[in-house]
Amino acid sequence: MTPLEIILTILVIVAIIVAIYFFFRGAKGKISLTRPVESRVDEYLDRRFESMVTEWALVRTPAVNRFKEQHEPMLGQNEAKISELQGFEKEINSSLSRMEERLDDLEKELSKT
């Protein structure tokens, strides 16, 4: 390779790395690799939704406060249920892992005899 080709290759690699860095920079949520642009937009809207509604005056403040009063307890209960289900999922996954290990051990013992 000539020095010019080496320099161009390095520049292309650096450009790709910089593009990837700026794409994922500041990401707080999960960015899906199967749909990176949509997940990035979703994340942005999630972070900025309240300020956008306020800034654009899409909903009057009393209506928002009424909605929060009506639905906030239900949302809190749902979040508690979600965390409970996530704990249950972890327990089930650990039980399943232990059972798979025991099954592997049994298969090894059976193959020895």
PDB file of N, CA and C in Angstrom:
ATOM      1  N   MET A   1       0.841  -1.179   0.000  1.00  0.00           N
ATOM      2  CA  MET A   1       0.000   0.000   0.000  1.00  0.00           C
ATOM      3  C   MET A   1       0.891   1.248   0.000  1.00  0.00           C
ATOM      4  N   THR A   2       0.416   2.208  -0.715  1.00  0.00           N
ATOM      5  CA  THR A   2       1.150   3.465  -0.748  1.00  0.00           C
ATOM      6  C   THR A   2       0.817   4.287   0.491  1.00  0.00           C
ATOM      7  N   PRO A   3       1.659   5.235   0.813  1.00  0.00           N
ATOM      8  CA  PRO A   3       1.370   6.079   1.987  1.00  0.00           C
ATOM      9  C   PRO A   3       0.038   6.821   1.880  1.00  0.00           C
ATOM     10  N   LEU A   4      -0.348   7.204   0.675  1.00  0.00           N
ATOM     11  CA  LEU A   4      -1.623   7.893   0.487  1.00  0.00           C
ATOM     12  C   LEU A   4      -2.789   6.974   0.827  1.00  0.00           C
ATOM     13  N   GLU A   5      -2.724   5.716   0.401  1.00  0.00           N
ATOM     14  CA  GLU A   5      -3.787   4.756   0.720  1.00  0.00           C
ATOM     15  C   GLU A   5      -3.865   4.506   2.220  1.00  0.00           C
ATOM     16  N   ILE A   6      -2.728   4.427   2.888  1.00  0.00           N
ATOM     17  CA  ILE A   6      -2.701   4.212   4.335  1.00  0.00           C
ATOM     18  C   ILE A   6      -3.353   5.392   5.049  1.00  0.00           C
ATOM     19  N   ILE A   7      -3.008   6.609   4.633  1.00  0.00           N
ATOM     20  CA  ILE A   7      -3.581   7.811   5.250  1.00  0.00           C
ATOM     21  C   ILE A   7      -5.091   7.862   5.011  1.00  0.00           C
ATOM     22  N   LEU A   8      -5.533   7.552   3.805  1.00  0.00           N
ATOM     23  CA  LEU A   8      -6.971   7.557   3.509  1.00  0.00           C
ATOM     24  C   LEU A   8      -7.704   6.501   4.330  1.00  0.00           C
ATOM     25  N   THR A   9      -7.112   5.324   4.487  1.00  0.00           N
ATOM     26  CA  THR A   9      -7.724   4.266   5.289  1.00  0.00           C
ATOM     27  C   THR A   9      -7.852   4.707   6.741  1.00  0.00           C
ATOM     28  N   ILE A  10      -6.806   5.308   7.266  1.00  0.00           N
ATOM     29  CA  ILE A  10      -6.842   5.791   8.649  1.00  0.00           C
ATOM     30  C   ILE A  10      -7.905   6.877   8.802  1.00  0.00           C
ATOM     31  N   LEU A  11      -7.999   7.794   7.838  1.00  0.00           N
ATOM     32  CA  LEU A  11      -9.004   8.859   7.898  1.00  0.00           C
ATOM     33  C   LEU A  11     -10.422   8.290   7.859  1.00  0.00           C
ATOM     34  N   VAL A  12     -10.645   7.282   7.034  1.00  0.00           N
ATOM     35  CA  VAL A  12     -11.975   6.654   6.964  1.00  0.00           C
ATOM     36  C   VAL A  12     -12.312   5.990   8.297  1.00  0.00           C
ATOM     37  N   ILE A  13     -11.362   5.287   8.874  1.00  0.00           N
ATOM     38  CA  ILE A  13     -11.593   4.619  10.161  1.00  0.00           C
ATOM     39  C   ILE A  13     -11.875   5.645  11.249  1.00  0.00           C
ATOM     40  N   VAL A  14     -11.108   6.721  11.272  1.00  0.00           N
ATOM     41  CA  VAL A  14     -11.326   7.774  12.269  1.00  0.00           C
ATOM     42  C   VAL A  14     -12.703   8.417  12.073  1.00  0.00           C
ATOM     43  N   ALA A  15     -13.086   8.649  10.830  1.00  0.00           N
ATOM     44  CA  ALA A  15     -14.392   9.248  10.554  1.00  0.00           C
ATOM     45  C   ALA A  15     -15.518   8.343  11.037  1.00  0.00           C
ATOM     46  N   ILE A  16     -15.386   7.048  10.838  1.00  0.00           N
ATOM     47  CA  ILE A  16     -16.400   6.094  11.299  1.00  0.00           C
ATOM     48  C   ILE A  16     -16.470   6.091  12.824  1.00  0.00           C
ATOM     49  N   ILE A  17     -15.322   6.083  13.470  1.00  0.00           N
ATOM     50  CA  ILE A  17     -15.297   6.086  14.945  1.00  0.00           C
ATOM     51  C   ILE A  17     -15.926   7.370  15.492  1.00  0.00           C
ATOM     52  N   VAL A  18     -15.605   8.507  14.886  1.00  0.00           N
ATOM     53  CA  VAL A  18     -16.182   9.779  15.335  1.00  0.00           C
ATOM     54  C   VAL A  18     -17.700   9.775  15.127  1.00  0.00           C
ATOM     55  N   ALA A  19     -18.154   9.264  13.991  1.00  0.00           N
ATOM     56  CA  ALA A  19     -19.600   9.209  13.732  1.00  0.00           C
ATOM     57  C   ALA A  19     -20.304   8.329  14.757  1.00  0.00           C
ATOM     58  N   ILE A  20     -19.724   7.185  15.066  1.00  0.00           N
ATOM     59  CA  ILE A  20     -20.318   6.292  16.064  1.00  0.00           C
ATOM     60  C   ILE A  20     -20.315   6.955  17.438  1.00  0.00           C
ATOM     61  N   TYR A  21     -19.229   7.618  17.781  1.00  0.00           N
ATOM     62  CA  TYR A  21     -19.148   8.300  19.080  1.00  0.00           C
ATOM     63  C   TYR A  21     -20.243   9.356  19.219  1.00  0.00           C
ATOM     64  N   PHE A  22     -20.398  10.208  18.202  1.00  0.00           N
ATOM     65  CA  PHE A  22     -21.397  11.268  18.309  1.00  0.00           C
ATOM     66  C   PHE A  22     -22.811  10.718  18.228  1.00  0.00           C
ATOM     67  N   PHE A  23     -22.984   9.569  17.583  1.00  0.00           N
ATOM     68  CA  PHE A  23     -24.318   8.965  17.518  1.00  0.00           C
ATOM     69  C   PHE A  23     -24.736   8.466  18.894  1.00  0.00           C
ATOM     70  N   PHE A  24     -23.816   7.820  19.616  1.00  0.00           N
ATOM     71  CA  PHE A  24     -24.151   7.241  20.913  1.00  0.00           C
ATOM     72  C   PHE A  24     -23.853   8.174  22.083  1.00  0.00           C
ATOM     73  N   ARG A  25     -23.293   9.331  21.849  1.00  0.00           N
ATOM     74  CA  ARG A  25     -22.940  10.252  22.921  1.00  0.00           C
ATOM     75  C   ARG A  25     -24.195  10.756  23.617  1.00  0.00           C
ATOM     76  N   GLY A  26     -24.155  10.751  24.915  1.00  0.00           N
ATOM     77  CA  GLY A  26     -25.279  11.260  25.686  1.00  0.00           C
ATOM     78  C   GLY A  26     -26.446  10.318  25.787  1.00  0.00           C
ATOM     79  N   ALA A  27     -26.281   9.098  25.323  1.00  0.00           N
ATOM     80  CA  ALA A  27     -27.379   8.146  25.383  1.00  0.00           C
ATOM     81  C   ALA A  27     -27.565   7.669  26.812  1.00  0.00           C
ATOM     82  N   LYS A  28     -28.779   7.813  27.333  1.00  0.00           N
ATOM     83  CA  LYS A  28     -29.071   7.358  28.682  1.00  0.00           C
ATOM     84  C   LYS A  28     -29.832   6.043  28.656  1.00  0.00           C
ATOM     85  N   GLY A  29     -30.655   5.868  27.668  1.00  0.00           N
ATOM     86  CA  GLY A  29     -31.468   4.661  27.605  1.00  0.00           C
ATOM     87  C   GLY A  29     -30.810   3.604  26.754  1.00  0.00           C
ATOM     88  N   LYS A  30     -31.581   2.621  26.419  1.00  0.00           N
ATOM     89  CA  LYS A  30     -31.062   1.545  25.576  1.00  0.00           C
ATOM     90  C   LYS A  30     -31.267   1.922  24.120  1.00  0.00           C
ATOM     91  N   ILE A  31     -30.210   1.800  23.361  1.00  0.00           N
ATOM     92  CA  ILE A  31     -30.298   2.070  21.940  1.00  0.00           C
ATOM     93  C   ILE A  31     -30.268   0.733  21.219  1.00  0.00           C
ATOM     94  N   SER A  32     -31.306   0.485  20.476  1.00  0.00           N
ATOM     95  CA  SER A  32     -31.434  -0.773  19.770  1.00  0.00           C
ATOM     96  C   SER A  32     -30.531  -0.773  18.539  1.00  0.00           C
ATOM     97  N   LEU A  33     -29.774  -1.830  18.381  1.00  0.00           N
ATOM     98  CA  LEU A  33     -28.899  -1.908  17.209  1.00  0.00           C
ATOM     99  C   LEU A  33     -29.681  -2.258  15.954  1.00  0.00           C
ATOM    100  N   THR A  34     -30.872  -2.853  16.116  1.00  0.00           N
ATOM    101  CA  THR A  34     -31.673  -3.189  14.946  1.00  0.00           C
ATOM    102  C   THR A  34     -32.387  -1.967  14.386  1.00  0.00           C
ATOM    103  N   ARG A  35     -32.673  -0.992  15.243  1.00  0.00           N
ATOM    104  CA  ARG A  35     -33.310   0.246  14.796  1.00  0.00           C
ATOM    105  C   ARG A  35     -32.718   1.422  15.570  1.00  0.00           C
ATOM    106  N   PRO A  36     -31.463   1.777  15.254  1.00  0.00           N
ATOM    107  CA  PRO A  36     -30.771   2.794  16.053  1.00  0.00           C
ATOM    108  C   PRO A  36     -31.364   4.182  15.954  1.00  0.00           C
ATOM    109  N   VAL A  37     -31.818   4.589  14.789  1.00  0.00           N
ATOM    110  CA  VAL A  37     -32.328   5.951  14.627  1.00  0.00           C
ATOM    111  C   VAL A  37     -33.647   6.105  15.390  1.00  0.00           C
ATOM    112  N   GLU A  38     -34.543   5.140  15.223  1.00  0.00           N
ATOM    113  CA  GLU A  38     -35.836   5.227  15.896  1.00  0.00           C
ATOM    114  C   GLU A  38     -35.676   5.201  17.408  1.00  0.00           C
ATOM    115  N   SER A  39     -34.780   4.343  17.914  1.00  0.00           N
ATOM    116  CA  SER A  39     -34.599   4.264  19.359  1.00  0.00           C
ATOM    117  C   SER A  39     -33.961   5.541  19.897  1.00  0.00           C
ATOM    118  N   ARG A  40     -33.094   6.159  19.115  1.00  0.00           N
ATOM    119  CA  ARG A  40     -32.487   7.419  19.537  1.00  0.00           C
ATOM    120  C   ARG A  40     -33.541   8.535  19.590  1.00  0.00           C
ATOM    121  N   VAL A  41     -34.423   8.570  18.602  1.00  0.00           N
ATOM    122  CA  VAL A  41     -35.507   9.560  18.591  1.00  0.00           C
ATOM    123  C   VAL A  41     -36.451   9.317  19.764  1.00  0.00           C
ATOM    124  N   ASP A  42     -36.786   8.055  20.016  1.00  0.00           N
ATOM    125  CA  ASP A  42     -37.646   7.719  21.150  1.00  0.00           C
ATOM    126  C   ASP A  42     -37.022   8.181  22.459  1.00  0.00           C
ATOM    127  N   GLU A  43     -35.739   7.953  22.607  1.00  0.00           N
ATOM    128  CA  GLU A  43     -35.039   8.370  23.821  1.00  0.00           C
ATOM    129  C   GLU A  43     -35.091   9.885  23.975  1.00  0.00           C
ATOM    130  N   TYR A  44     -34.846  10.602  22.890  1.00  0.00           N
ATOM    131  CA  TYR A  44     -34.883  12.063  22.935  1.00  0.00           C
ATOM    132  C   TYR A  44     -36.269  12.562  23.332  1.00  0.00           C
ATOM    133  N   LEU A  45     -37.302  11.999  22.723  1.00  0.00           N
ATOM    134  CA  LEU A  45     -38.660  12.420  23.048  1.00  0.00           C
ATOM    135  C   LEU A  45     -39.017  12.091  24.490  1.00  0.00           C
ATOM    136  N   ASP A  46     -38.569  10.950  24.985  1.00  0.00           N
ATOM    137  CA  ASP A  46     -38.825  10.602  26.385  1.00  0.00           C
ATOM    138  C   ASP A  46     -38.207  11.618  27.331  1.00  0.00           C
ATOM    139  N   ARG A  47     -37.000  12.048  27.030  1.00  0.00           N
ATOM    140  CA  ARG A  47     -36.314  13.008  27.903  1.00  0.00           C
ATOM    141  C   ARG A  47     -36.924  14.408  27.820  1.00  0.00           C
ATOM    142  N   ARG A  48     -37.380  14.799  26.646  1.00  0.00           N
ATOM    143  CA  ARG A  48     -37.802  16.185  26.427  1.00  0.00           C
ATOM    144  C   ARG A  48     -39.312  16.374  26.349  1.00  0.00           C
ATOM    145  N   PHE A  49     -40.097  15.334  26.582  1.00  0.00           N
ATOM    146  CA  PHE A  49     -41.535  15.414  26.341  1.00  0.00           C
ATOM    147  C   PHE A  49     -42.207  16.498  27.177  1.00  0.00           C
ATOM    148  N   GLU A  50     -41.951  16.502  28.477  1.00  0.00           N
ATOM    149  CA  GLU A  50     -42.613  17.484  29.344  1.00  0.00           C
ATOM    150  C   GLU A  50     -42.265  18.914  28.944  1.00  0.00           C
ATOM    151  N   SER A  51     -40.996  19.160  28.697  1.00  0.00           N
ATOM    152  CA  SER A  51     -40.603  20.527  28.335  1.00  0.00           C
ATOM    153  C   SER A  51     -41.170  20.922  26.972  1.00  0.00           C
ATOM    154  N   MET A  52     -41.304  19.970  26.052  1.00  0.00           N
ATOM    155  CA  MET A  52     -41.886  20.288  24.745  1.00  0.00           C
ATOM    156  C   MET A  52     -43.363  20.634  24.884  1.00  0.00           C
ATOM    157  N   VAL A  53     -44.085  19.882  25.709  1.00  0.00           N
ATOM    158  CA  VAL A  53     -45.509  20.168  25.910  1.00  0.00           C
ATOM    159  C   VAL A  53     -45.675  21.545  26.529  1.00  0.00           C
ATOM    160  N   THR A  54     -44.844  21.849  27.524  1.00  0.00           N
ATOM    161  CA  THR A  54     -44.915  23.150  28.175  1.00  0.00           C
ATOM    162  C   THR A  54     -44.529  24.271  27.221  1.00  0.00           C
ATOM    163  N   GLU A  55     -43.444  24.063  26.499  1.00  0.00           N
ATOM    164  CA  GLU A  55     -42.932  25.095  25.593  1.00  0.00           C
ATOM    165  C   GLU A  55     -43.922  25.402  24.474  1.00  0.00           C
ATOM    166  N   TRP A  56     -44.519  24.370  23.930  1.00  0.00           N
ATOM    167  CA  TRP A  56     -45.427  24.574  22.809  1.00  0.00           C
ATOM    168  C   TRP A  56     -46.858  24.836  23.261  1.00  0.00           C
ATOM    169  N   ALA A  57     -47.094  24.792  24.566  1.00  0.00           N
ATOM    170  CA  ALA A  57     -48.422  25.033  25.143  1.00  0.00           C
ATOM    171  C   ALA A  57     -49.464  24.121  24.506  1.00  0.00           C
ATOM    172  N   LEU A  58     -49.148  22.857  24.420  1.00  0.00           N
ATOM    173  CA  LEU A  58     -50.066  21.896  23.812  1.00  0.00           C
ATOM    174  C   LEU A  58     -51.240  21.577  24.735  1.00  0.00           C
ATOM    175  N   VAL A  59     -50.978  21.567  26.026  1.00  0.00           N
ATOM    176  CA  VAL A  59     -52.016  21.255  27.003  1.00  0.00           C
ATOM    177  C   VAL A  59     -51.935  22.308  28.095  1.00  0.00           C
ATOM    178  N   ARG A  60     -53.085  22.739  28.553  1.00  0.00           N
ATOM    179  CA  ARG A  60     -53.084  23.713  29.639  1.00  0.00           C
ATOM    180  C   ARG A  60     -52.667  23.028  30.931  1.00  0.00           C
ATOM    181  N   THR A  61     -52.034  23.788  31.818  1.00  0.00           N
ATOM    182  CA  THR A  61     -51.498  23.260  33.070  1.00  0.00           C
ATOM    183  C   THR A  61     -52.562  22.612  33.946  1.00  0.00           C
ATOM    184  N   PRO A  62     -53.774  23.184  34.088  1.00  0.00           N
ATOM    185  CA  PRO A  62     -54.773  22.509  34.922  1.00  0.00           C
ATOM    186  C   PRO A  62     -55.142  21.126  34.401  1.00  0.00           C
ATOM    187  N   ALA A  63     -55.189  20.973  33.093  1.00  0.00           N
ATOM    188  CA  ALA A  63     -55.514  19.668  32.525  1.00  0.00           C
ATOM    189  C   ALA A  63     -54.411  18.663  32.832  1.00  0.00           C
ATOM    190  N   VAL A  64     -53.165  19.106  32.756  1.00  0.00           N
ATOM    191  CA  VAL A  64     -52.045  18.225  33.075  1.00  0.00           C
ATOM    192  C   VAL A  64     -52.082  17.828  34.547  1.00  0.00           C
ATOM    193  N   ASN A  65     -52.328  18.807  35.420  1.00  0.00           N
ATOM    194  CA  ASN A  65     -52.388  18.517  36.852  1.00  0.00           C
ATOM    195  C   ASN A  65     -53.530  17.552  37.172  1.00  0.00           C
ATOM    196  N   ARG A  66     -54.689  17.741  36.523  1.00  0.00           N
ATOM    197  CA  ARG A  66     -55.813  16.834  36.724  1.00  0.00           C
ATOM    198  C   ARG A  66     -55.456  15.417  36.278  1.00  0.00           C
ATOM    199  N   PHE A  67     -54.803  15.319  35.117  1.00  0.00           N
ATOM    200  CA  PHE A  67     -54.395  14.008  34.614  1.00  0.00           C
ATOM    201  C   PHE A  67     -53.424  13.334  35.581  1.00  0.00           C
ATOM    202  N   LYS A  68     -52.449  14.102  36.085  1.00  0.00           N
ATOM    203  CA  LYS A  68     -51.484  13.542  37.030  1.00  0.00           C
ATOM    204  C   LYS A  68     -52.171  13.056  38.292  1.00  0.00           C
ATOM    205  N   GLU A  69     -53.115  13.846  38.822  1.00  0.00           N
ATOM    206  CA  GLU A  69     -53.825  13.446  40.030  1.00  0.00           C
ATOM    207  C   GLU A  69     -54.611  12.158  39.829  1.00  0.00           C
ATOM    208  N   GLN A  70     -55.216  12.006  38.653  1.00  0.00           N
ATOM    209  CA  GLN A  70     -56.039  10.841  38.385  1.00  0.00           C
ATOM    210  C   GLN A  70     -55.202   9.593  38.123  1.00  0.00           C
ATOM    211  N   HIS A  71     -54.085   9.738  37.418  1.00  0.00           N
ATOM    212  CA  HIS A  71     -53.372   8.560  36.929  1.00  0.00           C
ATOM    213  C   HIS A  71     -52.063   8.258  37.646  1.00  0.00           C
ATOM    214  N   GLU A  72     -51.561   9.173  38.442  1.00  0.00           N
ATOM    215  CA  GLU A  72     -50.274   8.941  39.100  1.00  0.00           C
ATOM    216  C   GLU A  72     -50.299   7.748  40.066  1.00  0.00           C
ATOM    217  N   PRO A  73     -51.350   7.576  40.879  1.00  0.00           N
ATOM    218  CA  PRO A  73     -51.362   6.388  41.760  1.00  0.00           C
ATOM    219  C   PRO A  73     -51.340   5.081  40.971  1.00  0.00           C
ATOM    220  N   MET A  74     -52.103   5.052  39.877  1.00  0.00           N
ATOM    221  CA  MET A  74     -52.136   3.850  39.059  1.00  0.00           C
ATOM    222  C   MET A  74     -50.765   3.589  38.432  1.00  0.00           C
ATOM    223  N   LEU A  75     -50.099   4.635  37.974  1.00  0.00           N
ATOM    224  CA  LEU A  75     -48.771   4.468  37.383  1.00  0.00           C
ATOM    225  C   LEU A  75     -47.771   3.982  38.425  1.00  0.00           C
ATOM    226  N   GLY A  76     -47.878   4.499  39.646  1.00  0.00           N
ATOM    227  CA  GLY A  76     -47.001   4.029  40.719  1.00  0.00           C
ATOM    228  C   GLY A  76     -47.218   2.554  41.016  1.00  0.00           C
ATOM    229  N   GLN A  77     -48.487   2.132  41.031  1.00  0.00           N
ATOM    230  CA  GLN A  77     -48.784   0.712  41.254  1.00  0.00           C
ATOM    231  C   GLN A  77     -48.220  -0.142  40.125  1.00  0.00           C
ATOM    232  N   ASN A  78     -48.366   0.345  38.898  1.00  0.00           N
ATOM    233  CA  ASN A  78     -47.838  -0.410  37.758  1.00  0.00           C
ATOM    234  C   ASN A  78     -46.324  -0.518  37.820  1.00  0.00           C
ATOM    235  N   GLU A  79     -45.667   0.550  38.226  1.00  0.00           N
ATOM    236  CA  GLU A  79     -44.209   0.503  38.356  1.00  0.00           C
ATOM    237  C   GLU A  79     -43.793  -0.480  39.436  1.00  0.00           C
ATOM    238  N   ALA A  80     -44.554  -0.531  40.528  1.00  0.00           N
ATOM    239  CA  ALA A  80     -44.259  -1.501  41.582  1.00  0.00           C
ATOM    240  C   ALA A  80     -44.447  -2.927  41.071  1.00  0.00           C
ATOM    241  N   LYS A  81     -45.504  -3.146  40.292  1.00  0.00           N
ATOM    242  CA  LYS A  81     -45.741  -4.477  39.720  1.00  0.00           C
ATOM    243  C   LYS A  81     -44.610  -4.858  38.757  1.00  0.00           C
ATOM    244  N   ILE A  82     -44.168  -3.880  37.976  1.00  0.00           N
ATOM    245  CA  ILE A  82     -43.084  -4.147  37.023  1.00  0.00           C
ATOM    246  C   ILE A  82     -41.812  -4.543  37.758  1.00  0.00           C
ATOM    247  N   SER A  83     -41.477  -3.814  38.814  1.00  0.00           N
ATOM    248  CA  SER A  83     -40.262  -4.161  39.562  1.00  0.00           C
ATOM    249  C   SER A  83     -40.404  -5.531  40.215  1.00  0.00           C
ATOM    250  N   GLU A  84     -41.603  -5.842  40.693  1.00  0.00           N
ATOM    251  CA  GLU A  84     -41.845  -7.164  41.273  1.00  0.00           C
ATOM    252  C   GLU A  84     -41.684  -8.254  40.220  1.00  0.00           C
ATOM    253  N   LEU A  85     -42.220  -8.016  39.033  1.00  0.00           N
ATOM    254  CA  LEU A  85     -42.083  -8.990  37.947  1.00  0.00           C
ATOM    255  C   LEU A  85     -40.630  -9.145  37.501  1.00  0.00           C
ATOM    256  N   GLN A  86     -39.871  -8.069  37.515  1.00  0.00           N
ATOM    257  CA  GLN A  86     -38.461  -8.160  37.150  1.00  0.00           C
ATOM    258  C   GLN A  86     -37.698  -8.999  38.166  1.00  0.00           C
ATOM    259  N   GLY A  87     -38.028  -8.827  39.455  1.00  0.00           N
ATOM    260  CA  GLY A  87     -37.418  -9.671  40.488  1.00  0.00           C
ATOM    261  C   GLY A  87     -37.783 -11.129  40.284  1.00  0.00           C
ATOM    262  N   PHE A  88     -39.042 -11.390  39.966  1.00  0.00           N
ATOM    263  CA  PHE A  88     -39.491 -12.758  39.698  1.00  0.00           C
ATOM    264  C   PHE A  88     -38.762 -13.340  38.497  1.00  0.00           C
ATOM    265  N   GLU A  89     -38.578 -12.521  37.478  1.00  0.00           N
ATOM    266  CA  GLU A  89     -37.865 -12.979  36.282  1.00  0.00           C
ATOM    267  C   GLU A  89     -36.428 -13.376  36.622  1.00  0.00           C
ATOM    268  N   LYS A  90     -35.765 -12.584  37.458  1.00  0.00           N
ATOM    269  CA  LYS A  90     -34.391 -12.911  37.865  1.00  0.00           C
ATOM    270  C   LYS A  90     -34.355 -14.231  38.630  1.00  0.00           C
ATOM    271  N   GLU A  91     -35.322 -14.426  39.534  1.00  0.00           N
ATOM    272  CA  GLU A  91     -35.375 -15.679  40.298  1.00  0.00           C
ATOM    273  C   GLU A  91     -35.593 -16.869  39.384  1.00  0.00           C
ATOM    274  N   ILE A  92     -36.512 -16.727  38.441  1.00  0.00           N
ATOM    275  CA  ILE A  92     -36.801 -17.820  37.510  1.00  0.00           C
ATOM    276  C   ILE A  92     -35.580 -18.116  36.650  1.00  0.00           C
ATOM    277  N   ASN A  93     -34.897 -17.076  36.184  1.00  0.00           N
ATOM    278  CA  ASN A  93     -33.703 -17.292  35.356  1.00  0.00           C
ATOM    279  C   ASN A  93     -32.603 -18.001  36.142  1.00  0.00           C
ATOM    280  N   SER A  94     -32.420 -17.620  37.409  1.00  0.00           N
ATOM    281  CA  SER A  94     -31.396 -18.289  38.207  1.00  0.00           C
ATOM    282  C   SER A  94     -31.790 -19.738  38.478  1.00  0.00           C
ATOM    283  N   SER A  95     -33.083 -19.994  38.747  1.00  0.00           N
ATOM    284  CA  SER A  95     -33.549 -21.378  38.947  1.00  0.00           C
ATOM    285  C   SER A  95     -33.357 -22.192  37.689  1.00  0.00           C
ATOM    286  N   LEU A  96     -33.672 -21.598  36.571  1.00  0.00           N
ATOM    287  CA  LEU A  96     -33.511 -22.294  35.294  1.00  0.00           C
ATOM    288  C   LEU A  96     -32.044 -22.606  35.024  1.00  0.00           C
ATOM    289  N   SER A  97     -31.162 -21.684  35.341  1.00  0.00           N
ATOM    290  CA  SER A  97     -29.728 -21.912  35.152  1.00  0.00           C
ATOM    291  C   SER A  97     -29.247 -23.061  36.030  1.00  0.00           C
ATOM    292  N   ARG A  98     -29.702 -23.071  37.291  1.00  0.00           N
ATOM    293  CA  ARG A  98     -29.316 -24.168  38.196  1.00  0.00           C
ATOM    294  C   ARG A  98     -29.846 -25.503  37.697  1.00  0.00           C
ATOM    295  N   MET A  99     -31.072 -25.506  37.198  1.00  0.00           N
ATOM    296  CA  MET A  99     -31.650 -26.751  36.684  1.00  0.00           C
ATOM    297  C   MET A  99     -30.891 -27.238  35.455  1.00  0.00           C
ATOM    298  N   GLU A 100     -30.493 -26.313  34.581  1.00  0.00           N
ATOM    299  CA  GLU A 100     -29.722 -26.699  33.401  1.00  0.00           C
ATOM    300  C   GLU A 100     -28.371 -27.278  33.799  1.00  0.00           C
ATOM    301  N   GLU A 101     -27.733 -26.689  34.820  1.00  0.00           N
ATOM    302  CA  GLU A 101     -26.456 -27.216  35.299  1.00  0.00           C
ATOM    303  C   GLU A 101     -26.637 -28.621  35.858  1.00  0.00           C
ATOM    304  N   ARG A 102     -27.693 -28.824  36.617  1.00  0.00           N
ATOM    305  CA  ARG A 102     -27.963 -30.153  37.168  1.00  0.00           C
ATOM    306  C   ARG A 102     -28.239 -31.153  36.054  1.00  0.00           C
ATOM    307  N   LEU A 103     -28.969 -30.724  35.029  1.00  0.00           N
ATOM    308  CA  LEU A 103     -29.253 -31.601  33.901  1.00  0.00           C
ATOM    309  C   LEU A 103     -27.964 -31.959  33.166  1.00  0.00           C
ATOM    310  N   ASP A 104     -27.078 -30.987  32.980  1.00  0.00           N
ATOM    311  CA  ASP A 104     -25.787 -31.264  32.343  1.00  0.00           C
ATOM    312  C   ASP A 104     -24.981 -32.270  33.161  1.00  0.00           C
ATOM    313  N   ASP A 105     -24.991 -32.109  34.495  1.00  0.00           N
ATOM    314  CA  ASP A 105     -24.279 -33.042  35.361  1.00  0.00           C
ATOM    315  C   ASP A 105     -24.860 -34.448  35.240  1.00  0.00           C
ATOM    316  N   LEU A 106     -26.184 -34.541  35.215  1.00  0.00           N
ATOM    317  CA  LEU A 106     -26.824 -35.847  35.078  1.00  0.00           C
ATOM    318  C   LEU A 106     -26.491 -36.487  33.730  1.00  0.00           C
ATOM    319  N   GLU A 107     -26.481 -35.688  32.677  1.00  0.00           N
ATOM    320  CA  GLU A 107     -26.139 -36.215  31.360  1.00  0.00           C
ATOM    321  C   GLU A 107     -24.702 -36.706  31.329  1.00  0.00           C
ATOM    322  N   LYS A 108     -23.796 -36.009  31.997  1.00  0.00           N
ATOM    323  CA  LYS A 108     -22.404 -36.431  32.055  1.00  0.00           C
ATOM    324  C   LYS A 108     -22.275 -37.750  32.810  1.00  0.00           C
ATOM    325  N   GLU A 109     -23.015 -37.870  33.942  1.00  0.00           N
ATOM    326  CA  GLU A 109     -22.984 -39.111  34.707  1.00  0.00           C
ATOM    327  C   GLU A 109     -23.536 -40.271  33.887  1.00  0.00           C
ATOM    328  N   LEU A 110     -24.608 -40.033  33.145  1.00  0.00           N
ATOM    329  CA  LEU A 110     -25.190 -41.101  32.340  1.00  0.00           C
ATOM    330  C   LEU A 110     -24.274 -41.510  31.184  1.00  0.00           C
ATOM    331  N   SER A 111     -23.548 -40.543  30.643  1.00  0.00           N
ATOM    332  CA  SER A 111     -22.656 -40.877  29.529  1.00  0.00           C
ATOM    333  C   SER A 111     -21.439 -41.662  30.001  1.00  0.00           C
ATOM    334  N   LYS A 112     -21.067 -41.527  31.289  1.00  0.00           N
ATOM    335  CA  LYS A 112     -19.931 -42.273  31.836  1.00  0.00           C
ATOM    336  C   LYS A 112     -20.260 -43.753  32.011  1.00  0.00           C
ATOM    337  N   THR A 113     -21.521 -44.047  32.287  1.00  0.00           N
ATOM    338  CA  THR A 113     -21.885 -45.453  32.532  1.00  0.00           C
ATOM    339  C   THR A 113     -22.238 -46.202  31.309  1.00  0.00           C
TER     340      THR A 113
END
